Protein backbone atom coordinates (compact mmCIF):
# COMPACT_ATOMS: atom_id res chain seq x y z
CA UNK A 1 -185.46 -113.32 -55.96
CA UNK A 2 -188.05 -115.70 -54.44
CA UNK A 3 -191.70 -115.01 -55.15
CA UNK A 4 -194.21 -114.29 -52.44
CA UNK A 5 -196.54 -117.16 -51.64
CA UNK A 6 -199.37 -115.47 -53.51
CA UNK A 7 -197.21 -114.81 -56.57
CA UNK A 8 -196.03 -118.43 -56.47
CA UNK A 9 -199.57 -119.81 -56.48
CA UNK A 10 -200.78 -117.34 -59.09
CA UNK A 11 -197.94 -118.38 -61.40
CA UNK A 12 -199.05 -122.01 -61.16
CA UNK A 13 -202.71 -121.10 -61.66
CA UNK A 14 -201.70 -119.28 -64.84
CA UNK A 15 -199.72 -122.36 -66.00
CA UNK A 16 -196.43 -120.54 -65.56
CA UNK A 17 -193.35 -121.90 -63.81
CA UNK A 18 -192.89 -120.49 -60.27
CA UNK A 19 -189.73 -120.46 -58.14
CA UNK A 20 -190.85 -123.61 -56.31
CA UNK A 21 -193.84 -125.92 -56.00
CA UNK A 22 -196.50 -124.24 -53.80
CA UNK A 23 -197.65 -126.00 -50.64
CA UNK A 24 -201.34 -126.05 -49.74
CA UNK A 25 -202.01 -127.05 -46.13
CA UNK A 26 -204.56 -125.85 -43.59
CA UNK A 27 -206.69 -123.79 -45.95
CA UNK A 28 -209.73 -126.08 -46.07
CA UNK A 29 -211.11 -129.31 -44.73
CA UNK A 30 -209.72 -131.14 -47.77
CA UNK A 31 -206.21 -129.76 -47.17
CA UNK A 32 -206.35 -129.71 -43.39
CA UNK A 33 -205.05 -131.57 -40.36
CA UNK A 34 -207.29 -133.53 -38.00
CA UNK A 35 -207.32 -132.30 -34.41
CA UNK A 36 -205.44 -135.28 -32.86
CA UNK A 37 -202.68 -135.06 -35.48
CA UNK A 38 -202.49 -131.29 -35.04
CA UNK A 39 -202.17 -131.56 -31.28
CA UNK A 40 -199.21 -133.91 -31.72
CA UNK A 41 -197.67 -131.53 -34.25
CA UNK A 42 -198.04 -128.54 -31.91
CA UNK A 43 -196.41 -130.49 -29.08
CA UNK A 44 -193.57 -131.62 -31.34
CA UNK A 45 -192.94 -128.04 -32.50
CA UNK A 46 -193.31 -126.57 -29.02
CA UNK A 47 -196.15 -124.32 -30.17
CA UNK A 48 -198.57 -123.30 -27.44
CA UNK A 49 -201.87 -122.38 -29.07
CA UNK A 50 -205.45 -123.12 -28.18
CA UNK A 51 -207.44 -125.58 -30.26
CA UNK A 52 -209.53 -123.82 -32.88
CA UNK A 53 -211.59 -125.38 -35.64
CA UNK A 54 -212.36 -124.70 -39.26
CA UNK A 55 -215.85 -123.26 -39.70
CA UNK A 56 -216.06 -122.87 -35.89
CA UNK A 57 -217.16 -126.52 -35.93
CA UNK A 58 -215.37 -128.88 -33.48
CA UNK A 59 -217.39 -131.89 -34.59
CA UNK A 60 -216.00 -131.59 -38.10
CA UNK A 61 -212.71 -132.62 -36.56
CA UNK A 62 -210.41 -130.36 -38.61
CA UNK A 63 -208.24 -127.81 -36.87
CA UNK A 64 -207.79 -124.17 -37.78
CA UNK A 65 -204.01 -123.96 -37.76
CA UNK A 66 -202.13 -121.33 -35.80
CA UNK A 67 -200.22 -118.88 -37.97
CA UNK A 68 -196.88 -120.00 -36.51
CA UNK A 69 -197.63 -123.56 -37.58
CA UNK A 70 -198.77 -122.50 -41.06
CA UNK A 71 -195.47 -120.67 -41.52
CA UNK A 72 -193.45 -123.67 -40.31
CA UNK A 73 -195.34 -125.82 -42.82
CA UNK A 74 -194.39 -123.36 -45.59
CA UNK A 75 -198.06 -123.17 -46.54
CA UNK A 76 -198.58 -120.73 -49.39
CA UNK A 77 -202.36 -120.50 -49.01
CA UNK A 78 -204.77 -119.12 -46.41
CA UNK A 79 -208.46 -119.95 -46.25
CA UNK A 80 -211.64 -117.93 -45.89
CA UNK A 81 -214.69 -119.89 -44.79
CA UNK A 82 -218.37 -119.41 -44.17
CA UNK A 83 -220.05 -120.51 -40.93
CA UNK A 84 -223.24 -122.19 -39.95
CA UNK A 85 -225.96 -119.70 -38.91
CA UNK A 86 -225.54 -118.22 -35.44
CA UNK A 87 -228.62 -119.99 -34.08
CA UNK A 88 -227.27 -123.38 -35.22
CA UNK A 89 -223.90 -122.74 -33.59
CA UNK A 90 -225.55 -121.62 -30.36
CA UNK A 91 -227.92 -124.60 -30.31
CA UNK A 92 -225.02 -127.01 -30.68
CA UNK A 93 -222.82 -125.26 -28.13
CA UNK A 94 -225.58 -125.57 -25.51
CA UNK A 95 -226.82 -129.09 -26.32
CA UNK A 96 -226.50 -132.01 -23.89
CA UNK A 97 -222.94 -133.40 -23.81
CA UNK A 98 -222.59 -136.39 -26.12
CA UNK A 99 -225.87 -135.73 -27.91
CA UNK A 100 -225.94 -135.56 -31.73
CA UNK A 101 -224.72 -132.50 -33.59
CA UNK A 102 -227.26 -131.24 -36.13
CA UNK A 103 -226.19 -128.98 -38.98
CA UNK A 104 -228.47 -126.48 -40.69
CA UNK A 105 -229.61 -129.08 -43.23
CA UNK A 106 -230.98 -131.31 -40.46
CA UNK A 107 -228.26 -133.96 -40.81
CA UNK A 108 -227.12 -135.32 -37.46
CA UNK A 109 -223.66 -136.57 -36.48
CA UNK A 110 -223.07 -138.88 -33.52
CA UNK A 111 -219.89 -139.43 -31.54
CA UNK A 112 -218.09 -142.73 -32.07
CA UNK A 113 -214.69 -142.65 -30.46
CA UNK A 114 -214.20 -139.63 -28.19
CA UNK A 115 -213.92 -136.55 -30.40
CA UNK A 116 -214.74 -138.43 -33.61
CA UNK A 117 -218.13 -137.72 -35.16
CA UNK A 118 -219.91 -139.51 -38.02
CA UNK A 119 -223.03 -138.48 -39.98
CA UNK A 120 -225.66 -140.97 -38.84
CA UNK A 121 -229.01 -139.18 -38.92
CA UNK A 122 -230.32 -138.68 -42.47
CA UNK A 123 -233.62 -136.78 -42.58
CA UNK A 124 -234.75 -137.93 -46.05
CA UNK A 125 -233.45 -141.49 -45.80
CA UNK A 126 -236.73 -143.34 -46.30
CA UNK A 127 -238.33 -141.42 -49.15
CA UNK A 128 -238.30 -141.16 -52.91
CA UNK A 129 -241.28 -138.80 -52.99
CA UNK A 130 -240.97 -135.42 -54.67
CA UNK A 131 -243.69 -134.17 -52.31
CA UNK A 132 -241.33 -134.83 -49.38
CA UNK A 133 -238.73 -132.65 -51.06
CA UNK A 134 -241.24 -129.84 -51.41
CA UNK A 135 -242.41 -130.06 -47.79
CA UNK A 136 -238.99 -130.44 -46.15
CA UNK A 137 -237.86 -127.52 -43.91
CA UNK A 138 -234.82 -126.52 -45.96
CA UNK A 139 -232.11 -124.28 -44.47
CA UNK A 140 -232.22 -120.50 -44.81
CA UNK A 141 -229.32 -119.60 -47.08
CA UNK A 142 -230.13 -115.91 -46.73
CA UNK A 143 -229.21 -115.86 -43.03
CA UNK A 144 -226.58 -113.09 -42.89
CA UNK A 145 -224.69 -114.67 -39.98
CA UNK A 146 -223.32 -117.26 -42.42
CA UNK A 147 -221.12 -114.69 -44.17
CA UNK A 148 -220.93 -111.46 -42.14
CA UNK A 149 -217.27 -112.11 -41.25
CA UNK A 150 -216.14 -113.01 -44.78
CA UNK A 151 -215.52 -109.55 -46.23
CA UNK A 152 -213.21 -108.39 -43.44
CA UNK A 153 -211.21 -111.64 -43.34
CA UNK A 154 -210.65 -111.66 -47.09
CA UNK A 155 -209.83 -107.96 -47.20
CA UNK A 156 -207.20 -108.35 -44.48
CA UNK A 157 -205.48 -111.14 -46.38
CA UNK A 158 -205.72 -109.22 -49.65
CA UNK A 159 -204.24 -106.09 -48.07
CA UNK A 160 -201.31 -108.13 -46.73
CA UNK A 161 -200.91 -109.59 -50.24
CA UNK A 162 -198.61 -112.30 -48.94
CA UNK A 163 -200.55 -115.54 -49.27
CA UNK A 164 -202.87 -116.92 -51.92
CA UNK A 165 -206.50 -117.03 -50.77
CA UNK A 166 -208.66 -120.14 -51.06
CA UNK A 167 -212.35 -119.54 -50.33
CA UNK A 168 -214.30 -122.55 -49.10
CA UNK A 169 -218.00 -122.22 -48.34
CA UNK A 170 -218.77 -125.48 -46.52
CA UNK A 171 -221.87 -127.68 -46.99
CA UNK A 172 -222.30 -126.16 -50.45
CA UNK A 173 -221.58 -129.27 -52.54
CA UNK A 174 -224.81 -130.59 -54.12
CA UNK A 175 -224.07 -134.30 -54.42
CA UNK A 176 -222.50 -134.67 -50.99
CA UNK A 177 -225.48 -132.91 -49.42
CA UNK A 178 -227.74 -135.40 -51.18
CA UNK A 179 -225.64 -138.25 -49.80
CA UNK A 180 -225.99 -136.78 -46.33
CA UNK A 181 -229.72 -136.14 -46.61
CA UNK A 182 -230.49 -139.69 -47.74
CA UNK A 183 -227.49 -141.84 -46.73
CA UNK A 184 -225.21 -142.78 -49.57
CA UNK A 185 -226.49 -146.32 -50.23
CA UNK A 186 -230.11 -145.16 -50.36
CA UNK A 187 -229.27 -142.21 -52.60
CA UNK A 188 -227.40 -144.53 -54.97
CA UNK A 189 -230.43 -146.85 -55.04
CA UNK A 190 -232.71 -143.92 -55.86
CA UNK A 191 -230.46 -142.58 -58.61
CA UNK A 192 -231.02 -145.86 -60.42
CA UNK A 193 -234.64 -146.63 -59.49
CA UNK A 194 -236.12 -143.14 -59.13
CA UNK A 195 -234.15 -140.75 -61.37
CA UNK A 196 -236.91 -138.10 -61.39
CA UNK A 197 -236.80 -137.91 -57.61
CA UNK A 198 -233.00 -137.76 -57.69
CA UNK A 199 -232.99 -134.91 -60.22
CA UNK A 200 -235.54 -132.99 -58.12
CA UNK A 201 -233.49 -133.49 -54.95
CA UNK A 202 -230.22 -132.44 -56.59
CA UNK A 203 -231.85 -129.42 -58.23
CA UNK A 204 -233.33 -128.25 -54.92
CA UNK A 205 -230.03 -128.66 -53.10
CA UNK A 206 -228.07 -126.99 -55.91
CA UNK A 207 -230.40 -123.98 -55.87
CA UNK A 208 -229.76 -123.58 -52.15
CA UNK A 209 -226.02 -123.97 -52.68
CA UNK A 210 -226.08 -121.27 -55.35
CA UNK A 211 -227.96 -118.91 -53.04
CA UNK A 212 -225.30 -119.31 -50.34
CA UNK A 213 -222.48 -119.14 -52.87
CA UNK A 214 -223.90 -115.93 -54.32
CA UNK A 215 -223.96 -114.24 -50.91
CA UNK A 216 -220.46 -115.55 -50.13
CA UNK A 217 -218.94 -114.33 -53.37
CA UNK A 218 -220.61 -110.92 -53.14
CA UNK A 219 -219.14 -110.46 -49.66
CA UNK A 220 -215.69 -111.66 -50.60
CA UNK A 221 -215.42 -109.59 -53.78
CA UNK A 222 -212.36 -109.85 -55.99
CA UNK A 223 -209.99 -110.69 -53.16
CA UNK A 224 -209.65 -114.44 -53.71
CA UNK A 225 -207.50 -116.58 -55.97
CA UNK A 226 -209.40 -119.90 -55.75
CA UNK A 227 -212.91 -121.02 -54.83
CA UNK A 228 -213.24 -124.60 -53.60
CA UNK A 229 -216.18 -126.83 -54.43
CA UNK A 230 -216.41 -130.58 -54.88
CA UNK A 231 -218.36 -133.80 -54.66
CA UNK A 232 -216.92 -137.26 -54.04
CA UNK A 233 -217.43 -139.36 -57.16
CA UNK A 234 -214.90 -142.18 -56.85
CA UNK A 235 -213.99 -145.28 -54.87
CA UNK A 236 -210.68 -147.10 -54.59
CA UNK A 237 -210.90 -148.76 -58.01
CA UNK A 238 -213.93 -147.33 -59.76
CA UNK A 239 -216.50 -144.57 -59.92
CA UNK A 240 -219.47 -144.42 -57.55
CA UNK A 241 -221.73 -144.41 -60.59
CA UNK A 242 -221.28 -145.11 -64.28
CA UNK A 243 -219.99 -142.31 -66.52
CA UNK A 244 -223.33 -142.46 -68.36
CA UNK A 245 -225.30 -141.95 -65.14
CA UNK A 246 -222.99 -139.13 -64.06
CA UNK A 247 -223.37 -137.35 -67.39
CA UNK A 248 -227.14 -137.73 -67.50
CA UNK A 249 -228.02 -136.80 -63.91
CA UNK A 250 -225.16 -135.18 -61.98
CA UNK A 251 -223.04 -133.43 -64.60
CA UNK A 252 -225.76 -130.91 -65.56
CA UNK A 253 -225.96 -129.92 -61.87
CA UNK A 254 -222.18 -129.49 -61.66
CA UNK A 255 -221.95 -127.64 -64.97
CA UNK A 256 -224.65 -125.17 -63.97
CA UNK A 257 -223.05 -124.64 -60.55
CA UNK A 258 -219.60 -123.97 -61.99
CA UNK A 259 -221.10 -121.63 -64.60
CA UNK A 260 -222.86 -119.73 -61.81
CA UNK A 261 -219.62 -119.40 -59.83
CA UNK A 262 -217.62 -118.22 -62.84
CA UNK A 263 -220.24 -115.58 -63.56
CA UNK A 264 -219.64 -114.13 -60.07
CA UNK A 265 -215.85 -114.36 -59.66
CA UNK A 266 -212.59 -114.45 -61.57
CA UNK A 267 -211.17 -116.91 -59.06
CA UNK A 268 -210.08 -120.32 -60.29
CA UNK A 269 -212.39 -123.25 -59.52
CA UNK A 270 -210.74 -125.75 -57.18
CA UNK A 271 -212.67 -129.04 -57.48
CA UNK A 272 -212.28 -131.74 -54.83
CA UNK A 273 -213.30 -135.34 -55.53
CA UNK A 274 -211.85 -138.45 -53.92
CA UNK A 275 -211.20 -141.82 -55.46
CA UNK A 276 -210.54 -143.06 -58.97
CA UNK A 277 -212.21 -140.41 -61.12
CA UNK A 278 -209.89 -140.75 -64.12
CA UNK A 279 -212.73 -141.41 -66.62
CA UNK A 280 -214.48 -138.16 -65.67
CA UNK A 281 -211.52 -135.80 -65.91
CA UNK A 282 -212.42 -134.69 -69.47
CA UNK A 283 -215.89 -133.82 -68.13
CA UNK A 284 -214.35 -131.73 -65.36
CA UNK A 285 -212.26 -129.81 -67.89
CA UNK A 286 -215.28 -129.27 -70.14
CA UNK A 287 -217.27 -127.83 -67.21
CA UNK A 288 -214.54 -125.33 -66.35
CA UNK A 289 -212.65 -126.92 -63.46
CA UNK A 290 -209.23 -125.29 -63.11
CA UNK A 291 -207.64 -127.21 -60.20
CA UNK A 292 -208.22 -130.90 -59.44
CA UNK A 293 -207.79 -132.20 -55.89
CA UNK A 294 -206.77 -134.45 -54.13
CA UNK A 295 -205.27 -136.79 -56.81
CA UNK A 296 -205.74 -139.91 -54.69
CA UNK A 297 -202.70 -141.86 -55.81
CA UNK A 298 -203.82 -145.02 -53.99
CA UNK A 299 -207.02 -145.22 -56.10
CA UNK A 300 -207.01 -147.03 -59.43
CA UNK A 301 -205.84 -145.04 -62.45
CA UNK A 302 -205.18 -141.95 -60.35
CA UNK A 303 -201.86 -143.63 -59.62
CA UNK A 304 -200.93 -143.28 -63.31
CA UNK A 305 -199.35 -139.88 -62.76
CA UNK A 306 -197.38 -139.75 -66.00
CA UNK A 307 -200.60 -140.34 -67.95
CA UNK A 308 -202.48 -137.75 -65.88
CA UNK A 309 -199.81 -135.16 -66.56
CA UNK A 310 -199.53 -135.99 -70.25
CA UNK A 311 -203.27 -136.02 -70.99
CA UNK A 312 -204.54 -133.25 -68.74
CA UNK A 313 -201.60 -131.16 -67.53
CA UNK A 314 -202.20 -128.41 -70.11
CA UNK A 315 -205.76 -127.95 -68.88
CA UNK A 316 -205.60 -128.60 -65.12
CA UNK A 317 -203.51 -127.71 -62.12
CA UNK A 318 -203.08 -130.75 -59.88
CA UNK A 319 -203.23 -130.31 -56.09
CA UNK A 320 -202.56 -133.07 -53.57
CA UNK A 321 -201.09 -136.51 -54.44
CA UNK A 322 -199.10 -137.15 -51.23
CA UNK A 323 -200.53 -140.48 -50.10
CA UNK A 324 -202.42 -140.61 -46.79
CA UNK A 325 -203.29 -144.30 -47.22
CA UNK A 326 -199.81 -145.72 -46.58
CA UNK A 327 -196.91 -143.29 -47.02
CA UNK A 328 -197.76 -140.52 -44.56
CA UNK A 329 -199.15 -142.66 -41.71
CA UNK A 330 -196.84 -145.70 -41.98
CA UNK A 331 -193.80 -144.69 -44.01
CA UNK A 332 -190.49 -143.55 -42.57
CA UNK A 333 -189.47 -139.93 -42.95
CA UNK A 334 -187.06 -141.00 -45.69
CA UNK A 335 -189.88 -142.77 -47.53
CA UNK A 336 -192.02 -139.64 -47.26
CA UNK A 337 -189.19 -137.56 -48.70
CA UNK A 338 -188.67 -140.01 -51.55
CA UNK A 339 -192.39 -139.97 -52.39
CA UNK A 340 -192.51 -136.17 -52.39
CA UNK A 341 -189.52 -136.09 -54.74
CA UNK A 342 -191.17 -138.65 -57.05
CA UNK A 343 -194.48 -136.78 -57.18
CA UNK A 344 -192.83 -133.43 -57.87
CA UNK A 345 -190.68 -134.88 -60.66
CA UNK A 346 -193.84 -136.10 -62.43
CA UNK A 347 -196.69 -133.68 -61.64
CA UNK A 348 -194.44 -130.68 -61.06
CA UNK A 349 -192.68 -130.89 -64.41
CA UNK A 350 -192.89 -127.44 -66.03
CA UNK A 351 -195.22 -126.22 -63.26
CA UNK A 352 -198.89 -127.04 -62.86
CA UNK A 353 -198.69 -128.70 -59.43
CA UNK A 354 -199.44 -127.63 -55.84
CA UNK A 355 -198.37 -130.05 -53.14
CA UNK A 356 -200.77 -131.26 -50.48
CA UNK A 357 -201.77 -134.42 -48.70
CA UNK A 358 -204.55 -136.54 -50.14
CA UNK A 359 -207.39 -135.04 -48.08
CA UNK A 360 -207.19 -134.38 -44.33
CA UNK A 361 -204.08 -135.53 -42.47
CA UNK A 362 -205.56 -138.11 -40.10
CA UNK A 363 -204.64 -138.90 -36.47
CA UNK A 364 -202.27 -141.76 -37.39
CA UNK A 365 -199.84 -139.46 -39.23
CA UNK A 366 -196.81 -138.64 -37.00
CA UNK A 367 -195.58 -135.05 -36.87
CA UNK A 368 -192.16 -136.11 -38.17
CA UNK A 369 -193.77 -137.20 -41.44
CA UNK A 370 -195.78 -134.00 -41.82
CA UNK A 371 -192.57 -132.00 -41.52
CA UNK A 372 -190.68 -134.39 -43.79
CA UNK A 373 -193.35 -133.81 -46.45
CA UNK A 374 -193.17 -130.01 -46.42
CA UNK A 375 -189.41 -129.79 -46.01
CA UNK A 376 -188.91 -132.17 -48.93
CA UNK A 377 -191.27 -130.03 -51.01
CA UNK A 378 -189.10 -126.98 -50.34
CA UNK A 379 -185.91 -128.94 -51.07
CA UNK A 380 -187.00 -130.81 -54.19
CA UNK A 381 -189.59 -128.38 -55.53
CA UNK A 382 -187.27 -125.60 -56.67
CA UNK A 383 -187.39 -124.69 -60.34
CA UNK A 384 -184.57 -122.14 -60.26
């Protein structure tokens, strides 16, 4: 008898062998579909549904998928998300058309191509002064409108007990918020030249993230299976910083954050980080990461899947690995199917793998390839 989606995911999270490889699509920004790609998919499937957005945030560019589409994609996971405070949402809904979007941290995004927004306004970009950290108007993480909807949404999914639940409080990743506050190149300069400032900035941001996370987890209760956090640490062929620098400055922030989360929930920690992060995987395991995403197979040693599975498969569940750099946007449907089969044969051996695309499915991915990916996962991912 086939398992329910929730049972299937829970088996993998417990390092047991399920009936088939679970599919994780549409539950978070990191496992989502961009709005242009989603519109093409809806048209291809003949699904008539209004455009909705994760986190009620059109400028983020990631669609909230209609339930009919999620079912067609065989997605085994549903997401529960926080929102920006009501006053921030209202301010952005009523702003001048084409003007920058400002989130609650004061970071502004501007529109490049129509409907495509990029962070371009960085409120702490020109400082390395601890006094500027202390005087900055930081966001109110106690605003109840961030999480008032969370309890009911999670309870509904838990009562249905059909799909696994991935909780994803957005803007609650310390290092990425620091990148956004300063601009990445300036933050990376400061981490080398002004480490005391960098530690103070990361500590301040992490404290705010923990405040929001605490409210979120208290509202959501014991109804979730996974809690997603993450910070991008890798590039195509290397880390963004040396392992030594990571371990001295950033790892204590991550370790404390994960410890805080695990003290408030039994859910597994789903950690997202792009790029070639192979050298840091033992650190992730040591800190208590349970699921690693997105396994960017186009980036350096992350393509060494046999080695990943052999070294870390007993400690981590892998999620992702279906290439969005070449295979999904430019491959044929047959090439997509062959890649899915290859990935499952390696990472899915004896369980321990959940299939997803490497980060958001971007506008250049045709709907035929999205469907080829999920249908191949159902065909080739059976264990029994």
